[in-house]
Protein backbone atom coordinates (compact mmCIF):
# COMPACT_ATOMS: atom_id res chain seq x y z
CA MET A 1 0.00 0.00 0.00
CA THR A 2 1.34 3.41 -0.95
CA GLY A 3 1.80 6.33 1.42
CA GLU A 4 -0.98 8.21 -0.39
CA ALA A 5 -3.44 5.38 0.29
CA VAL A 6 -2.42 5.23 3.96
CA ALA A 7 -2.90 9.00 4.27
CA PHE A 8 -6.31 8.75 2.58
CA TYR A 9 -7.50 5.99 4.93
CA ALA A 10 -6.20 7.86 7.97
CA LEU A 11 -7.91 11.09 6.92
CA SER A 12 -11.10 9.20 6.09
CA ALA A 13 -11.17 7.55 9.51
CA MET A 14 -10.53 10.93 11.16
CA LEU A 15 -13.38 12.47 9.13
CA VAL A 16 -15.86 9.75 10.08
CA VAL A 17 -14.95 9.89 13.78
CA SER A 18 -15.05 13.69 13.95
CA ALA A 19 -18.33 13.88 12.00
CA LEU A 20 -19.92 11.40 14.40
CA ALA A 21 -18.57 13.40 17.31
CA VAL A 22 -20.15 16.57 15.88
CA VAL A 23 -23.55 14.91 15.78
CA LEU A 24 -23.35 12.99 19.04
CA SER A 25 -21.64 15.59 21.25
CA LYS A 26 -23.84 17.08 23.98
CA ASN A 27 -21.70 20.20 24.44
CA LEU A 28 -22.24 22.66 21.59
CA PHE A 29 -18.75 24.14 21.92
CA HIS A 30 -17.15 20.69 21.67
CA ALA A 31 -19.30 19.95 18.62
CA VAL A 32 -17.89 23.05 16.90
CA LEU A 33 -14.34 21.97 17.70
CA TRP A 34 -15.05 18.54 16.21
CA LEU A 35 -16.48 20.32 13.16
CA ALA A 36 -13.21 22.25 12.80
CA LEU A 37 -11.33 18.94 12.82
CA ALA A 38 -13.67 17.49 10.19
CA LEU A 39 -13.24 20.53 7.94
CA THR A 40 -9.46 20.37 8.33
CA GLY A 41 -9.52 16.68 7.40
CA THR A 42 -11.51 17.58 4.29
CA ALA A 43 -8.76 20.04 3.37
CA GLY A 44 -6.29 17.17 3.76
CA ILE A 45 -8.33 15.07 1.31
CA PHE A 46 -8.23 17.98 -1.15
CA LEU A 47 -4.44 18.11 -0.78
CA LEU A 48 -4.23 14.40 -1.60
CA LEU A 49 -6.21 15.13 -4.76
CA ASP A 50 -3.70 17.85 -5.75
CA ALA A 51 -6.34 20.56 -5.34
CA GLU A 52 -4.32 23.05 -3.33
CA PHE A 53 -6.69 25.93 -4.04
CA LEU A 54 -9.70 24.04 -2.68
CA ALA A 55 -7.70 22.99 0.38
CA ALA A 56 -6.75 26.60 1.06
CA VAL A 57 -10.34 27.76 0.63
CA GLN A 58 -11.52 24.96 2.92
CA LEU A 59 -9.07 25.97 5.64
CA LEU A 60 -9.49 29.73 5.35
CA LEU A 61 -13.23 30.03 4.86
CA TYR A 62 -14.68 27.05 6.65
CA ALA A 63 -12.22 25.79 9.25
CA GLY A 64 -11.05 29.32 9.99
CA GLY A 65 -13.87 31.73 9.32
CA VAL A 66 -17.11 29.85 9.89
CA VAL A 67 -15.89 27.99 12.96
CA THR A 68 -14.58 31.24 14.48
CA ILE A 69 -17.91 32.97 13.92
CA VAL A 70 -19.83 30.06 15.46
CA VAL A 71 -17.51 30.00 18.50
CA PHE A 72 -18.03 33.74 19.02
CA ALA A 73 -21.80 33.28 18.66
CA ILE A 74 -21.79 30.52 21.29
CA VAL A 75 -19.68 32.56 23.71
CA VAL A 76 -21.80 35.70 23.31
CA THR A 77 -25.07 33.77 23.58
CA GLU A 78 -23.91 31.95 26.70
CA ARG A 79 -22.98 35.29 28.31
CA LEU A 80 -26.37 36.79 27.44
CA VAL A 81 -28.36 33.77 28.60
CA GLY A 82 -26.11 33.07 31.58
CA GLU A 83 -26.01 29.29 31.25
CA THR A 84 -24.20 26.68 29.20
CA ILE A 85 -25.94 25.80 25.97
CA THR A 86 -26.31 22.09 25.30
CA GLN A 87 -27.70 20.36 22.29
CA THR A 88 -30.08 17.46 22.51
CA ASN A 89 -30.12 14.77 19.89
CA ARG A 90 -33.77 14.01 19.26
CA ARG A 91 -34.87 11.46 16.71
CA ILE A 92 -31.43 9.83 16.58
CA ALA A 93 -32.97 6.51 15.52
CA GLY A 94 -34.60 8.11 12.49
CA GLY A 95 -31.35 9.82 11.57
CA ALA A 96 -29.48 6.53 11.89
CA LEU A 97 -32.06 4.86 9.64
CA VAL A 98 -31.70 7.55 6.96
CA CYS A 99 -27.89 7.35 7.21
CA GLY A 100 -28.02 3.58 6.84
CA ALA A 101 -30.24 3.86 3.77
CA LEU A 102 -27.90 6.42 2.18
CA LEU A 103 -24.87 4.24 2.99
CA TRP A 104 -26.57 1.25 1.37
CA LEU A 105 -27.38 3.36 -1.72
CA LEU A 106 -23.78 4.59 -2.00
CA ILE A 107 -22.28 1.12 -1.59
CA THR A 108 -24.59 -0.48 -4.16
CA THR A 109 -23.94 2.36 -6.61
CA VAL A 110 -20.17 2.08 -6.27
CA LEU A 111 -20.26 -1.72 -6.58
CA GLU A 112 -22.37 -1.52 -9.75
CA ARG A 113 -20.14 1.09 -11.38
CA PRO A 114 -16.60 0.96 -10.02
CA LEU A 115 -14.63 4.17 -9.91
CA ALA A 116 -11.93 4.82 -12.49
CA THR A 117 -8.53 3.56 -11.38
CA GLU A 118 -6.51 6.14 -13.31
CA ARG A 119 -6.38 9.80 -12.37
CA PRO A 120 -7.52 12.32 -14.95
CA ILE A 121 -4.85 14.59 -16.40
CA MET A 122 -4.74 17.85 -14.46
CA PRO A 123 -3.15 21.13 -15.53
CA ASP A 124 0.31 21.85 -14.17
CA ASP A 125 -0.88 24.81 -12.07
CA LEU A 126 -4.47 24.13 -11.07
CA THR A 127 -4.81 27.37 -9.11
CA LYS A 128 -3.79 29.38 -12.17
CA ALA A 129 -6.28 27.48 -14.33
CA ILE A 130 -9.10 28.13 -11.85
CA GLY A 131 -8.21 31.84 -11.69
CA GLU A 132 -8.11 32.17 -15.47
CA SER A 133 -11.46 30.42 -15.92
CA VAL A 134 -13.13 32.49 -13.18
CA LEU A 135 -11.91 35.76 -14.67
CA THR A 136 -12.58 34.87 -18.33
CA ARG A 137 -15.20 32.20 -18.94
CA PHE A 138 -17.14 32.61 -15.66
CA VAL A 139 -16.71 36.34 -15.12
CA LEU A 140 -20.45 37.11 -15.31
CA PRO A 141 -21.49 34.58 -12.60
CA PHE A 142 -18.53 35.75 -10.51
CA GLU A 143 -19.66 39.38 -10.71
CA LEU A 144 -23.30 38.43 -10.03
CA LEU A 145 -22.13 36.55 -6.94
CA ALA A 146 -20.27 39.68 -5.81
CA VAL A 147 -23.47 41.74 -6.21
CA LEU A 148 -25.42 39.11 -4.26
CA MET A 149 -22.84 39.18 -1.46
CA LEU A 150 -23.03 42.99 -1.37
CA ALA A 151 -26.83 42.83 -1.09
CA ALA A 152 -26.53 40.28 1.74
CA LEU A 153 -24.01 42.51 3.53
CA LEU A 154 -26.27 45.54 3.22
CA GLY A 155 -29.20 43.49 4.50
CA ALA A 156 -27.17 42.31 7.48
CA ILE A 157 -26.14 45.88 8.28
CA TYR A 158 -29.77 46.99 8.03
CA PHE A 159 -31.02 44.28 10.41
CA ALA A 160 -28.10 44.69 12.84
CA ARG A 161 -28.54 48.43 13.31
CA PRO A 162 -29.96 49.55 16.64
CA GLU A 163 -33.64 50.42 16.83
CA GLU A 164 -34.33 54.14 17.02
């Protein structure tokens, strides 16, 4: 077994364990920390796939930004409420049933149509290729997304302003 396969199996095991810990953890703060580990493991999978740009985005936006915002929200909410926030896992049996059905569907699909054994040919500098395609071929959706983000930011500022 190659080192890449060992790294993939180790990251996969870490992802499964941390994802289960996110769902099954009673303490909301601990669940967010487990989520940070799962998102970091996903960045590791992207690195194994030679997608450095996606790994960087995963680490910066999700593992860094989103987790930080959620931690601040938990801390501020706990100070306002004055007690520790816990999460309760209701309907865990139904969730386990749905997860089992999806796992069965994935396994049967993969067994019917095995994945390709050879890697597709990737450009030498994938980050450069993504940047060129975003700023040439996909420039209109990119700009529309920027306008949408600006509208969301203005809406957030409007709703966050103090009442007069």
